[in-house]
Amino acid sequence: MTGKVEEALGYEQARDELIEVVRRLEAGGTTLEESLALWERGEELAKVCRRWLDGARARLDAALAEEEAGDGPEETGDDD
């Protein structure tokens, strides 16, 4: 599962699947081939999560920079 399918995964979905992959690896009882496949899938899912988190950080940084470039927080007019 790579490319377009991974791009369609939301953060929470990728995170939940990654948790399941880690749980299965920690539980043991899989063959070497199955363990390698799980590890590779976990690496792919971790990259998806990292992209989502990097994107969120960039959006947050942009919003903070925009706020700093302005006159600060807007007045709400609640002084009455």
Protein backbone atom coordinates (compact mmCIF):
# COMPACT_ATOMS: atom_id res chain seq x y z
CA MET A 1 0.00 0.00 0.00
CA THR A 2 1.87 3.05 -1.24
CA GLY A 3 1.36 6.25 -3.16
CA LYS A 4 -2.24 7.42 -3.64
CA VAL A 5 -3.67 5.11 -0.99
CA GLU A 6 -1.25 6.41 1.65
CA GLU A 7 -2.02 9.99 0.65
CA ALA A 8 -5.71 9.27 1.35
CA LEU A 9 -4.98 8.12 4.91
CA GLY A 10 -5.88 10.62 7.56
CA TYR A 11 -3.59 11.14 10.52
CA GLU A 12 -5.81 9.30 12.99
CA GLN A 13 -6.30 6.35 10.63
CA ALA A 14 -2.55 6.04 9.99
CA ARG A 15 -1.79 6.40 13.70
CA ASP A 16 -4.33 3.75 14.69
CA GLU A 17 -3.00 1.31 12.10
CA LEU A 18 0.56 2.01 13.26
CA ILE A 19 -0.46 1.24 16.84
CA GLU A 20 -1.90 -2.08 15.66
CA VAL A 21 1.28 -2.90 13.71
CA VAL A 22 3.42 -2.21 16.78
CA ARG A 23 1.10 -4.29 18.96
CA ARG A 24 1.39 -7.25 16.58
CA LEU A 25 5.16 -6.95 16.40
CA GLU A 26 5.48 -6.76 20.18
CA ALA A 27 3.17 -9.75 20.64
CA GLY A 28 5.47 -11.92 18.54
CA GLY A 29 4.38 -15.21 17.08
CA THR A 30 4.82 -14.07 13.48
CA THR A 31 7.20 -15.48 10.95
CA LEU A 32 10.27 -13.54 9.92
CA GLU A 33 8.62 -12.67 6.61
CA GLU A 34 5.45 -11.45 8.36
CA SER A 35 7.51 -9.44 10.84
CA LEU A 36 9.45 -7.77 8.04
CA ALA A 37 6.23 -6.92 6.21
CA LEU A 38 4.77 -5.46 9.40
CA TRP A 39 7.92 -3.44 10.06
CA GLU A 40 7.88 -2.07 6.50
CA ARG A 41 4.21 -1.12 6.84
CA GLY A 42 4.97 0.54 10.16
CA GLU A 43 7.70 2.62 8.52
CA GLU A 44 5.27 3.73 5.79
CA LEU A 45 2.62 4.63 8.35
CA ALA A 46 5.14 6.56 10.46
CA LYS A 47 6.03 8.61 7.36
CA VAL A 48 2.36 9.37 6.74
CA CYS A 49 1.97 10.52 10.34
CA ARG A 50 5.13 12.63 10.11
CA ARG A 51 3.85 14.35 6.94
CA TRP A 52 0.57 15.19 8.68
CA LEU A 53 2.36 16.51 11.75
CA ASP A 54 4.83 18.53 9.64
CA GLY A 55 1.92 20.02 7.73
CA ALA A 56 0.12 20.93 10.94
CA ARG A 57 3.30 22.54 12.30
CA ALA A 58 3.72 24.57 9.11
CA ARG A 59 0.12 25.80 9.31
CA LEU A 60 0.55 26.73 12.96
CA ASP A 61 3.82 28.54 12.26
CA ALA A 62 2.20 30.43 9.37
CA ALA A 63 -0.75 31.47 11.54
CA LEU A 64 1.56 32.65 14.32
CA ALA A 65 3.73 34.58 11.87
CA GLU A 66 0.64 36.23 10.39
CA GLU A 67 -0.55 37.21 13.86
CA GLU A 68 2.85 38.66 14.74
CA ALA A 69 2.93 40.62 11.48
CA GLY A 70 -0.40 42.25 12.37
CA ASP A 71 -1.18 44.50 15.29
CA GLY A 72 -1.67 41.57 17.61
CA PRO A 73 -5.05 40.21 18.68
CA GLU A 74 -8.04 42.12 17.39
CA GLU A 75 -10.17 43.97 19.89
CA THR A 76 -13.47 42.32 20.64
CA GLY A 77 -15.28 45.43 21.87
CA ASP A 78 -16.13 43.84 25.22
CA ASP A 79 -15.00 46.90 27.20
CA ASP A 80 -18.59 48.01 27.82
